[in-house]
């Protein structure tokens, strides 16, 4: 079997695959991005292989042979690819009167899952988390100009912030 199946972020990544429980010598490794319709040989006769910089889901196996016996394939390992997190943009910037107000903010163009929203009244010096995983947020009853952003994460990839929207508050 091959240990090391995992999910990685598309682009710059590295995964160590390790073959164990085999009898015989490693003849080569193979990989496929189309579920073994088109296997591609890897010149590697060791029990480990490091897969790097993948952008498509890829399966790997080792071909093992003992003496004059027929070569056999190991069980395969799969490296799943998560697309890079994209923060998107928030529409709905507005100017409102202080105290009694309501502004609908809408996030679009993002890739991943909305982890939370954040707001700041000091230009992101002190962001404050908002427990909201929806693509919309309604800012209400503001008394100071406030900026909003969403935090997005795609699978195991690092988070990304959306562009921010500003609700300007007039006295």
N, C-alpha and C. Protein backbone atom coordinates (compact mmCIF):
# COMPACT_ATOMS: atom_id res chain seq x y z
N UNK A 1 0.84 -1.19 0.00
CA UNK A 1 0.00 0.00 0.00
C UNK A 1 0.88 1.24 0.00
N UNK A 2 0.27 2.35 -0.40
CA UNK A 2 0.98 3.63 -0.40
C UNK A 2 0.31 4.55 0.61
N UNK A 3 1.09 5.03 1.57
CA UNK A 3 0.60 6.00 2.55
C UNK A 3 0.89 7.40 2.01
N UNK A 4 -0.01 8.32 2.32
CA UNK A 4 0.21 9.71 1.92
C UNK A 4 -0.95 10.35 1.21
N UNK A 5 -2.05 9.62 1.01
CA UNK A 5 -3.23 10.25 0.39
C UNK A 5 -3.62 11.47 1.22
N UNK A 6 -3.89 12.56 0.55
CA UNK A 6 -4.19 13.80 1.26
C UNK A 6 -4.85 14.79 0.32
N UNK A 7 -5.23 15.93 0.87
CA UNK A 7 -5.71 17.07 0.06
C UNK A 7 -4.66 18.17 0.19
N UNK A 8 -4.40 18.85 -0.92
CA UNK A 8 -3.43 19.96 -0.94
C UNK A 8 -4.04 21.14 -1.68
N UNK A 9 -3.42 22.28 -1.49
CA UNK A 9 -3.85 23.48 -2.20
C UNK A 9 -3.20 23.50 -3.59
N UNK A 10 -3.96 23.84 -4.59
CA UNK A 10 -3.48 23.86 -5.96
C UNK A 10 -2.26 24.77 -6.13
N UNK A 11 -1.32 24.31 -6.94
CA UNK A 11 -0.16 25.15 -7.25
C UNK A 11 1.09 24.70 -6.56
N UNK A 12 1.48 25.40 -5.52
CA UNK A 12 2.70 25.06 -4.80
C UNK A 12 2.37 24.12 -3.66
N UNK A 13 2.76 22.84 -3.81
CA UNK A 13 2.47 21.84 -2.80
C UNK A 13 3.50 20.72 -2.88
N UNK A 14 3.54 19.91 -1.85
CA UNK A 14 4.48 18.79 -1.80
C UNK A 14 3.92 17.72 -0.88
N UNK A 15 3.89 16.47 -1.36
CA UNK A 15 3.36 15.36 -0.59
C UNK A 15 4.28 14.16 -0.72
N UNK A 16 4.71 13.62 0.42
CA UNK A 16 5.54 12.42 0.42
C UNK A 16 4.65 11.18 0.41
N UNK A 17 4.88 10.31 -0.57
CA UNK A 17 4.17 9.04 -0.67
C UNK A 17 5.14 7.92 -0.30
N UNK A 18 4.69 6.96 0.50
CA UNK A 18 5.56 5.90 0.98
C UNK A 18 4.92 4.53 0.76
N UNK A 19 5.64 3.67 0.05
CA UNK A 19 5.18 2.30 -0.21
C UNK A 19 5.62 1.40 0.93
N UNK A 20 4.71 0.54 1.38
CA UNK A 20 5.06 -0.45 2.41
C UNK A 20 4.25 -1.72 2.20
N UNK A 21 4.67 -2.81 2.88
CA UNK A 21 3.94 -4.07 2.82
C UNK A 21 4.10 -4.82 1.52
N UNK A 22 5.15 -4.54 0.78
CA UNK A 22 5.34 -5.17 -0.52
C UNK A 22 6.41 -6.28 -0.44
N UNK A 23 6.37 -7.18 -1.42
CA UNK A 23 7.40 -8.21 -1.57
C UNK A 23 7.98 -8.06 -2.96
N UNK A 24 9.28 -7.84 -3.03
CA UNK A 24 9.94 -7.65 -4.31
C UNK A 24 10.54 -6.26 -4.40
N UNK A 25 10.96 -5.92 -5.58
CA UNK A 25 11.62 -4.63 -5.83
C UNK A 25 10.67 -3.69 -6.57
N UNK A 26 10.86 -2.42 -6.30
CA UNK A 26 10.07 -1.41 -7.01
C UNK A 26 10.66 -1.24 -8.41
N UNK A 27 9.83 -1.50 -9.42
CA UNK A 27 10.26 -1.38 -10.81
C UNK A 27 10.11 0.07 -11.28
N UNK A 28 8.99 0.68 -10.90
CA UNK A 28 8.71 2.08 -11.27
C UNK A 28 7.48 2.52 -10.50
N UNK A 29 7.20 3.80 -10.56
CA UNK A 29 5.95 4.36 -10.05
C UNK A 29 5.16 4.83 -11.26
N UNK A 30 3.85 5.01 -11.05
CA UNK A 30 3.01 5.57 -12.10
C UNK A 30 2.04 6.58 -11.48
N UNK A 31 1.59 7.51 -12.32
CA UNK A 31 0.55 8.44 -11.88
C UNK A 31 -0.49 8.59 -12.97
N UNK A 32 -1.66 9.08 -12.56
CA UNK A 32 -2.74 9.31 -13.51
C UNK A 32 -3.63 10.45 -13.01
N UNK A 33 -4.03 11.28 -13.94
CA UNK A 33 -4.99 12.36 -13.61
C UNK A 33 -6.37 12.05 -14.18
N UNK A 34 -6.52 10.86 -14.78
CA UNK A 34 -7.81 10.48 -15.38
C UNK A 34 -8.28 9.10 -14.90
N UNK A 35 -8.02 8.79 -13.63
CA UNK A 35 -8.46 7.55 -13.01
C UNK A 35 -7.94 6.30 -13.74
N UNK A 36 -6.68 6.33 -14.10
CA UNK A 36 -5.94 5.21 -14.69
C UNK A 36 -6.31 4.91 -16.14
N UNK A 37 -7.02 5.82 -16.81
CA UNK A 37 -7.25 5.63 -18.24
C UNK A 37 -5.92 5.75 -18.97
N UNK A 38 -5.11 6.73 -18.55
CA UNK A 38 -3.80 6.96 -19.16
C UNK A 38 -2.73 7.02 -18.07
N UNK A 39 -2.19 5.86 -17.64
CA UNK A 39 -1.12 5.89 -16.64
C UNK A 39 0.18 6.41 -17.25
N UNK A 40 0.91 7.17 -16.46
CA UNK A 40 2.19 7.73 -16.92
C UNK A 40 3.28 7.22 -15.99
N UNK A 41 4.36 6.67 -16.59
CA UNK A 41 5.46 6.12 -15.82
C UNK A 41 6.31 7.20 -15.17
N UNK A 42 6.79 6.89 -13.96
CA UNK A 42 7.74 7.73 -13.24
C UNK A 42 8.99 6.87 -13.02
N UNK A 43 10.13 7.37 -13.45
CA UNK A 43 11.37 6.63 -13.25
C UNK A 43 11.79 6.81 -11.79
N UNK A 44 11.41 5.83 -10.97
CA UNK A 44 11.72 5.86 -9.54
C UNK A 44 11.65 4.42 -9.02
N UNK A 45 12.75 3.93 -8.46
CA UNK A 45 12.78 2.55 -7.97
C UNK A 45 12.93 2.51 -6.44
N UNK A 46 12.63 3.62 -5.79
CA UNK A 46 12.69 3.65 -4.32
C UNK A 46 11.28 3.46 -3.76
N UNK A 47 11.20 3.32 -2.45
CA UNK A 47 9.89 3.11 -1.81
C UNK A 47 9.19 4.42 -1.47
N UNK A 48 9.80 5.54 -1.82
CA UNK A 48 9.15 6.83 -1.58
C UNK A 48 9.15 7.66 -2.86
N UNK A 49 8.16 8.52 -2.94
CA UNK A 49 8.07 9.47 -4.06
C UNK A 49 7.44 10.75 -3.53
N UNK A 50 8.00 11.89 -3.91
CA UNK A 50 7.44 13.17 -3.49
C UNK A 50 6.75 13.82 -4.68
N UNK A 51 5.44 13.96 -4.56
CA UNK A 51 4.63 14.62 -5.59
C UNK A 51 4.63 16.12 -5.29
N UNK A 52 4.92 16.94 -6.30
CA UNK A 52 5.02 18.38 -6.06
C UNK A 52 4.22 19.18 -7.09
N UNK A 53 3.77 20.34 -6.63
CA UNK A 53 3.16 21.37 -7.48
C UNK A 53 2.01 20.86 -8.36
N UNK A 54 1.13 20.08 -7.74
CA UNK A 54 0.00 19.52 -8.49
C UNK A 54 -1.12 20.55 -8.63
N UNK A 55 -1.82 20.48 -9.76
CA UNK A 55 -2.98 21.35 -9.99
C UNK A 55 -4.23 20.53 -10.32
N UNK A 56 -4.07 19.22 -10.50
CA UNK A 56 -5.19 18.31 -10.78
C UNK A 56 -5.14 17.14 -9.81
N UNK A 57 -6.32 16.61 -9.46
CA UNK A 57 -6.32 15.40 -8.62
C UNK A 57 -5.50 14.33 -9.33
N UNK A 58 -4.61 13.70 -8.57
CA UNK A 58 -3.69 12.74 -9.16
C UNK A 58 -3.62 11.47 -8.31
N UNK A 59 -3.59 10.32 -8.98
CA UNK A 59 -3.44 9.03 -8.30
C UNK A 59 -2.05 8.49 -8.59
N UNK A 60 -1.49 7.81 -7.59
CA UNK A 60 -0.15 7.23 -7.71
C UNK A 60 -0.18 5.78 -7.30
N UNK A 61 0.69 4.96 -7.95
CA UNK A 61 0.90 3.59 -7.51
C UNK A 61 2.35 3.21 -7.81
N UNK A 62 2.78 2.12 -7.18
CA UNK A 62 4.12 1.58 -7.44
C UNK A 62 3.94 0.22 -8.12
N UNK A 63 4.82 -0.07 -9.06
CA UNK A 63 4.84 -1.37 -9.72
C UNK A 63 5.98 -2.17 -9.09
N UNK A 64 5.63 -3.36 -8.55
CA UNK A 64 6.58 -4.16 -7.79
C UNK A 64 6.74 -5.52 -8.47
N UNK A 65 7.99 -6.03 -8.49
CA UNK A 65 8.25 -7.34 -9.08
C UNK A 65 9.21 -8.12 -8.20
N UNK A 66 8.89 -9.40 -7.99
CA UNK A 66 9.75 -10.29 -7.21
C UNK A 66 10.35 -11.32 -8.15
N UNK A 67 11.66 -11.22 -8.36
CA UNK A 67 12.38 -12.17 -9.22
C UNK A 67 11.78 -12.28 -10.60
N UNK A 68 11.46 -13.54 -11.00
CA UNK A 68 10.90 -13.79 -12.34
C UNK A 68 9.38 -13.74 -12.34
N UNK A 69 8.81 -13.49 -11.18
CA UNK A 69 7.34 -13.41 -11.08
C UNK A 69 6.83 -12.18 -11.83
N UNK A 70 5.56 -12.21 -12.18
CA UNK A 70 4.95 -11.08 -12.88
C UNK A 70 4.91 -9.85 -11.97
N UNK A 71 5.06 -8.70 -12.57
CA UNK A 71 4.97 -7.43 -11.83
C UNK A 71 3.53 -7.20 -11.40
N UNK A 72 3.34 -6.60 -10.22
CA UNK A 72 2.01 -6.26 -9.72
C UNK A 72 1.98 -4.80 -9.29
N UNK A 73 0.79 -4.24 -9.28
CA UNK A 73 0.62 -2.86 -8.85
C UNK A 73 0.23 -2.80 -7.39
N UNK A 74 0.73 -1.79 -6.70
CA UNK A 74 0.29 -1.54 -5.33
C UNK A 74 -1.11 -0.94 -5.36
N UNK A 75 -1.73 -0.86 -4.19
CA UNK A 75 -2.95 -0.06 -4.08
C UNK A 75 -2.55 1.38 -4.37
N UNK A 76 -3.46 2.19 -4.88
CA UNK A 76 -3.07 3.56 -5.21
C UNK A 76 -3.36 4.54 -4.08
N UNK A 77 -2.70 5.66 -4.17
CA UNK A 77 -2.91 6.79 -3.26
C UNK A 77 -3.45 7.95 -4.09
N UNK A 78 -4.31 8.75 -3.49
CA UNK A 78 -4.91 9.87 -4.22
C UNK A 78 -4.57 11.19 -3.54
N UNK A 79 -4.12 12.14 -4.33
CA UNK A 79 -3.90 13.50 -3.84
C UNK A 79 -4.97 14.37 -4.46
N UNK A 80 -5.86 14.84 -3.60
CA UNK A 80 -6.97 15.69 -4.02
C UNK A 80 -6.51 17.14 -4.01
N UNK A 81 -6.97 17.92 -4.97
CA UNK A 81 -6.53 19.31 -5.10
C UNK A 81 -7.68 20.26 -4.75
N UNK A 82 -7.41 21.15 -3.80
CA UNK A 82 -8.36 22.22 -3.49
C UNK A 82 -7.97 23.47 -4.27
N UNK A 83 -8.94 24.15 -4.89
CA UNK A 83 -8.59 25.39 -5.60
C UNK A 83 -8.14 26.46 -4.61
N UNK A 84 -7.30 27.35 -5.06
CA UNK A 84 -6.80 28.44 -4.22
C UNK A 84 -7.98 29.29 -3.74
N UNK A 85 -7.94 29.71 -2.49
CA UNK A 85 -8.98 30.59 -1.93
C UNK A 85 -8.98 31.93 -2.65
N UNK A 86 -10.17 32.39 -3.02
CA UNK A 86 -10.33 33.71 -3.64
C UNK A 86 -11.36 34.47 -2.81
N UNK A 87 -10.98 35.65 -2.36
CA UNK A 87 -11.82 36.43 -1.45
C UNK A 87 -13.06 37.04 -2.05
N UNK A 88 -13.02 37.35 -3.33
CA UNK A 88 -14.18 37.98 -3.97
C UNK A 88 -14.32 39.45 -3.58
N UNK A 89 -15.50 39.98 -3.80
CA UNK A 89 -15.76 41.40 -3.55
C UNK A 89 -17.11 41.59 -2.89
N UNK A 90 -17.22 42.61 -2.07
CA UNK A 90 -18.48 42.93 -1.40
C UNK A 90 -19.09 44.16 -2.06
N UNK A 91 -20.34 44.03 -2.47
CA UNK A 91 -21.11 45.15 -3.01
C UNK A 91 -22.03 45.66 -1.90
N UNK A 92 -22.31 46.95 -1.93
CA UNK A 92 -23.25 47.51 -0.98
C UNK A 92 -22.72 48.68 -0.18
N UNK A 93 -21.51 49.15 -0.51
CA UNK A 93 -21.01 50.35 0.17
C UNK A 93 -22.07 51.45 0.07
N UNK A 94 -22.25 52.18 1.16
CA UNK A 94 -23.30 53.19 1.19
C UNK A 94 -22.96 54.27 2.20
N UNK A 95 -23.73 55.35 2.14
CA UNK A 95 -23.66 56.41 3.14
C UNK A 95 -25.02 56.46 3.82
N UNK A 96 -24.99 56.44 5.16
CA UNK A 96 -26.23 56.39 5.93
C UNK A 96 -26.21 57.45 7.03
N UNK A 97 -27.37 57.69 7.59
CA UNK A 97 -27.49 58.57 8.75
C UNK A 97 -27.23 57.75 10.01
N UNK A 98 -26.58 58.34 11.00
CA UNK A 98 -26.25 57.64 12.23
C UNK A 98 -27.47 57.13 12.97
N UNK A 99 -27.27 56.10 13.74
CA UNK A 99 -28.19 55.48 14.70
C UNK A 99 -29.18 54.52 14.05
N UNK A 100 -30.14 55.00 13.30
CA UNK A 100 -31.13 54.09 12.72
C UNK A 100 -30.83 53.94 11.23
N UNK A 101 -30.25 52.79 10.86
CA UNK A 101 -29.88 52.56 9.47
C UNK A 101 -29.78 51.06 9.20
N UNK A 102 -29.77 50.73 7.94
CA UNK A 102 -29.66 49.33 7.53
C UNK A 102 -29.07 49.27 6.13
N UNK A 103 -28.01 48.47 5.97
CA UNK A 103 -27.34 48.35 4.67
C UNK A 103 -27.07 46.87 4.37
N UNK A 104 -27.55 46.40 3.22
CA UNK A 104 -27.30 45.03 2.81
C UNK A 104 -25.99 44.94 2.06
N UNK A 105 -25.09 44.09 2.53
CA UNK A 105 -23.81 43.85 1.87
C UNK A 105 -23.85 42.46 1.24
N UNK A 106 -23.35 42.34 0.00
CA UNK A 106 -23.42 41.07 -0.73
C UNK A 106 -22.05 40.70 -1.27
N UNK A 107 -21.62 39.49 -0.93
CA UNK A 107 -20.33 38.97 -1.39
C UNK A 107 -20.53 38.18 -2.67
N UNK A 108 -19.63 38.39 -3.65
CA UNK A 108 -19.68 37.61 -4.89
C UNK A 108 -18.26 37.40 -5.40
N UNK A 109 -18.12 36.48 -6.35
CA UNK A 109 -16.83 36.24 -6.99
C UNK A 109 -15.81 35.54 -6.12
N UNK A 110 -16.26 34.80 -5.14
CA UNK A 110 -15.31 34.12 -4.23
C UNK A 110 -15.19 32.64 -4.58
N UNK A 111 -14.07 32.03 -4.16
CA UNK A 111 -13.84 30.60 -4.32
C UNK A 111 -13.52 30.02 -2.96
N UNK A 112 -14.34 29.11 -2.49
CA UNK A 112 -14.15 28.51 -1.18
C UNK A 112 -15.40 28.66 -0.35
N UNK A 113 -15.22 28.54 0.95
CA UNK A 113 -16.32 28.63 1.90
C UNK A 113 -16.15 29.88 2.74
N UNK A 114 -17.26 30.54 3.02
CA UNK A 114 -17.20 31.74 3.87
C UNK A 114 -16.98 31.28 5.31
N UNK A 115 -15.85 31.66 5.88
CA UNK A 115 -15.50 31.28 7.25
C UNK A 115 -16.17 32.22 8.24
N UNK A 116 -16.13 33.52 7.92
CA UNK A 116 -16.70 34.56 8.79
C UNK A 116 -16.67 35.88 8.04
N UNK A 117 -17.31 36.86 8.61
CA UNK A 117 -17.20 38.24 8.18
C UNK A 117 -16.45 38.99 9.27
N UNK A 118 -15.93 40.15 8.92
CA UNK A 118 -15.27 41.01 9.90
C UNK A 118 -15.66 42.45 9.64
N UNK A 119 -15.58 43.28 10.71
CA UNK A 119 -15.77 44.71 10.53
C UNK A 119 -14.69 45.45 11.28
N UNK A 120 -14.51 46.71 10.91
CA UNK A 120 -13.52 47.55 11.58
C UNK A 120 -13.97 49.01 11.50
N UNK A 121 -13.79 49.73 12.60
CA UNK A 121 -14.06 51.17 12.61
C UNK A 121 -12.77 51.97 12.61
N UNK A 122 -11.60 51.25 12.54
CA UNK A 122 -10.31 51.94 12.56
C UNK A 122 -9.40 51.51 11.40
N UNK A 123 -10.01 51.31 10.24
CA UNK A 123 -9.29 50.97 9.01
C UNK A 123 -8.44 49.70 9.15
N UNK A 124 -9.01 48.67 9.77
CA UNK A 124 -8.44 47.33 9.91
C UNK A 124 -7.30 47.23 10.91
N UNK A 125 -7.12 48.26 11.75
CA UNK A 125 -6.15 48.13 12.83
C UNK A 125 -6.65 47.08 13.82
N UNK A 126 -7.95 47.11 14.10
CA UNK A 126 -8.56 46.16 15.03
C UNK A 126 -9.79 45.52 14.38
N UNK A 127 -9.59 44.44 13.59
CA UNK A 127 -10.76 43.77 13.00
C UNK A 127 -11.55 43.01 14.06
N UNK A 128 -12.85 43.01 13.91
CA UNK A 128 -13.74 42.31 14.84
C UNK A 128 -14.51 41.25 14.04
N UNK A 129 -14.48 40.01 14.54
CA UNK A 129 -15.15 38.92 13.84
C UNK A 129 -16.67 39.00 13.97
N UNK A 130 -17.34 38.61 12.89
CA UNK A 130 -18.80 38.49 12.86
C UNK A 130 -19.10 37.03 12.55
N UNK A 131 -19.89 36.39 13.36
CA UNK A 131 -20.27 35.00 13.11
C UNK A 131 -21.33 35.00 12.01
N UNK A 132 -20.88 34.84 10.77
CA UNK A 132 -21.78 34.84 9.63
C UNK A 132 -21.10 34.08 8.50
N UNK A 133 -21.72 33.02 8.01
CA UNK A 133 -21.14 32.24 6.92
C UNK A 133 -22.00 32.34 5.65
N UNK A 134 -22.87 33.32 5.61
CA UNK A 134 -23.72 33.54 4.43
C UNK A 134 -23.04 34.55 3.50
N UNK A 135 -23.50 34.60 2.27
CA UNK A 135 -22.93 35.52 1.28
C UNK A 135 -23.48 36.94 1.42
N UNK A 136 -24.39 37.14 2.37
CA UNK A 136 -24.92 38.48 2.63
C UNK A 136 -24.82 38.79 4.12
N UNK A 137 -24.74 40.07 4.40
CA UNK A 137 -24.74 40.53 5.79
C UNK A 137 -25.44 41.89 5.81
N UNK A 138 -26.31 42.09 6.79
CA UNK A 138 -27.00 43.37 6.92
C UNK A 138 -26.42 44.13 8.10
N UNK A 139 -25.78 45.25 7.79
CA UNK A 139 -25.23 46.12 8.83
C UNK A 139 -26.34 47.06 9.29
N UNK A 140 -26.58 47.11 10.60
CA UNK A 140 -27.69 47.92 11.09
C UNK A 140 -27.25 48.82 12.24
N UNK A 141 -27.93 49.94 12.34
CA UNK A 141 -27.82 50.88 13.47
C UNK A 141 -26.39 51.29 13.78
N UNK A 142 -25.64 51.61 12.72
CA UNK A 142 -24.25 52.04 12.90
C UNK A 142 -24.19 53.48 13.39
N UNK A 143 -23.17 53.76 14.21
CA UNK A 143 -22.96 55.12 14.71
C UNK A 143 -21.61 55.67 14.26
N UNK A 144 -20.78 54.83 13.61
CA UNK A 144 -19.48 55.27 13.11
C UNK A 144 -19.24 54.60 11.75
N UNK A 145 -18.46 55.26 10.92
CA UNK A 145 -18.11 54.68 9.62
C UNK A 145 -17.43 53.34 9.85
N UNK A 146 -17.89 52.32 9.10
CA UNK A 146 -17.44 50.94 9.35
C UNK A 146 -17.11 50.25 8.04
N UNK A 147 -16.00 49.50 8.05
CA UNK A 147 -15.60 48.69 6.89
C UNK A 147 -15.93 47.23 7.19
N UNK A 148 -16.29 46.50 6.12
CA UNK A 148 -16.64 45.09 6.24
C UNK A 148 -15.87 44.27 5.21
N UNK A 149 -15.50 43.06 5.59
CA UNK A 149 -14.90 42.11 4.66
C UNK A 149 -15.32 40.70 5.05
N UNK A 150 -15.18 39.78 4.10
CA UNK A 150 -15.46 38.37 4.37
C UNK A 150 -14.14 37.61 4.31
N UNK A 151 -14.04 36.55 5.08
CA UNK A 151 -12.86 35.68 5.09
C UNK A 151 -13.27 34.35 4.47
N UNK A 152 -12.54 33.95 3.41
CA UNK A 152 -12.88 32.78 2.62
C UNK A 152 -11.77 31.74 2.72
N UNK A 153 -12.15 30.45 2.76
CA UNK A 153 -11.15 29.38 2.74
C UNK A 153 -11.63 28.25 1.86
N UNK A 154 -10.74 27.83 0.96
CA UNK A 154 -11.01 26.69 0.08
C UNK A 154 -10.24 25.48 0.60
N UNK A 155 -10.95 24.53 1.15
CA UNK A 155 -10.33 23.30 1.63
C UNK A 155 -9.19 23.55 2.59
N UNK A 156 -8.00 23.03 2.23
CA UNK A 156 -6.82 23.17 3.09
C UNK A 156 -6.00 24.41 2.73
N UNK A 157 -6.44 25.17 1.76
CA UNK A 157 -5.69 26.36 1.33
C UNK A 157 -5.76 27.46 2.38
N UNK A 158 -4.77 28.37 2.38
CA UNK A 158 -4.84 29.52 3.30
C UNK A 158 -6.07 30.37 3.01
N UNK A 159 -6.52 31.10 4.02
CA UNK A 159 -7.68 31.97 3.85
C UNK A 159 -7.35 33.16 2.96
N UNK A 160 -8.38 33.77 2.42
CA UNK A 160 -8.25 35.00 1.63
C UNK A 160 -9.36 35.95 2.07
N UNK A 161 -9.04 37.23 2.11
CA UNK A 161 -10.03 38.24 2.47
C UNK A 161 -10.64 38.83 1.20
N UNK A 162 -11.91 39.14 1.27
CA UNK A 162 -12.57 39.84 0.17
C UNK A 162 -12.08 41.28 0.15
N UNK A 163 -12.40 41.98 -0.95
CA UNK A 163 -12.22 43.42 -0.90
C UNK A 163 -13.23 43.93 0.10
N UNK A 164 -12.98 45.08 0.67
CA UNK A 164 -13.92 45.55 1.70
C UNK A 164 -14.95 46.51 1.14
N UNK A 165 -16.00 46.65 1.90
CA UNK A 165 -17.07 47.62 1.61
C UNK A 165 -17.12 48.57 2.80
N UNK A 166 -17.46 49.82 2.52
CA UNK A 166 -17.51 50.82 3.57
C UNK A 166 -18.91 51.39 3.70
N UNK A 167 -19.40 51.41 4.93
CA UNK A 167 -20.65 52.08 5.22
C UNK A 167 -20.28 53.36 5.95
N UNK A 168 -20.40 54.49 5.23
CA UNK A 168 -20.05 55.78 5.78
C UNK A 168 -21.23 56.30 6.58
N UNK A 169 -20.96 56.74 7.81
CA UNK A 169 -22.03 57.19 8.69
C UNK A 169 -21.94 58.71 8.89
N UNK A 170 -23.01 59.40 8.51
CA UNK A 170 -23.10 60.84 8.73
C UNK A 170 -23.86 61.10 10.02
N UNK A 171 -23.45 62.15 10.77
CA UNK A 171 -24.19 62.45 12.00
C UNK A 171 -25.60 62.93 11.69
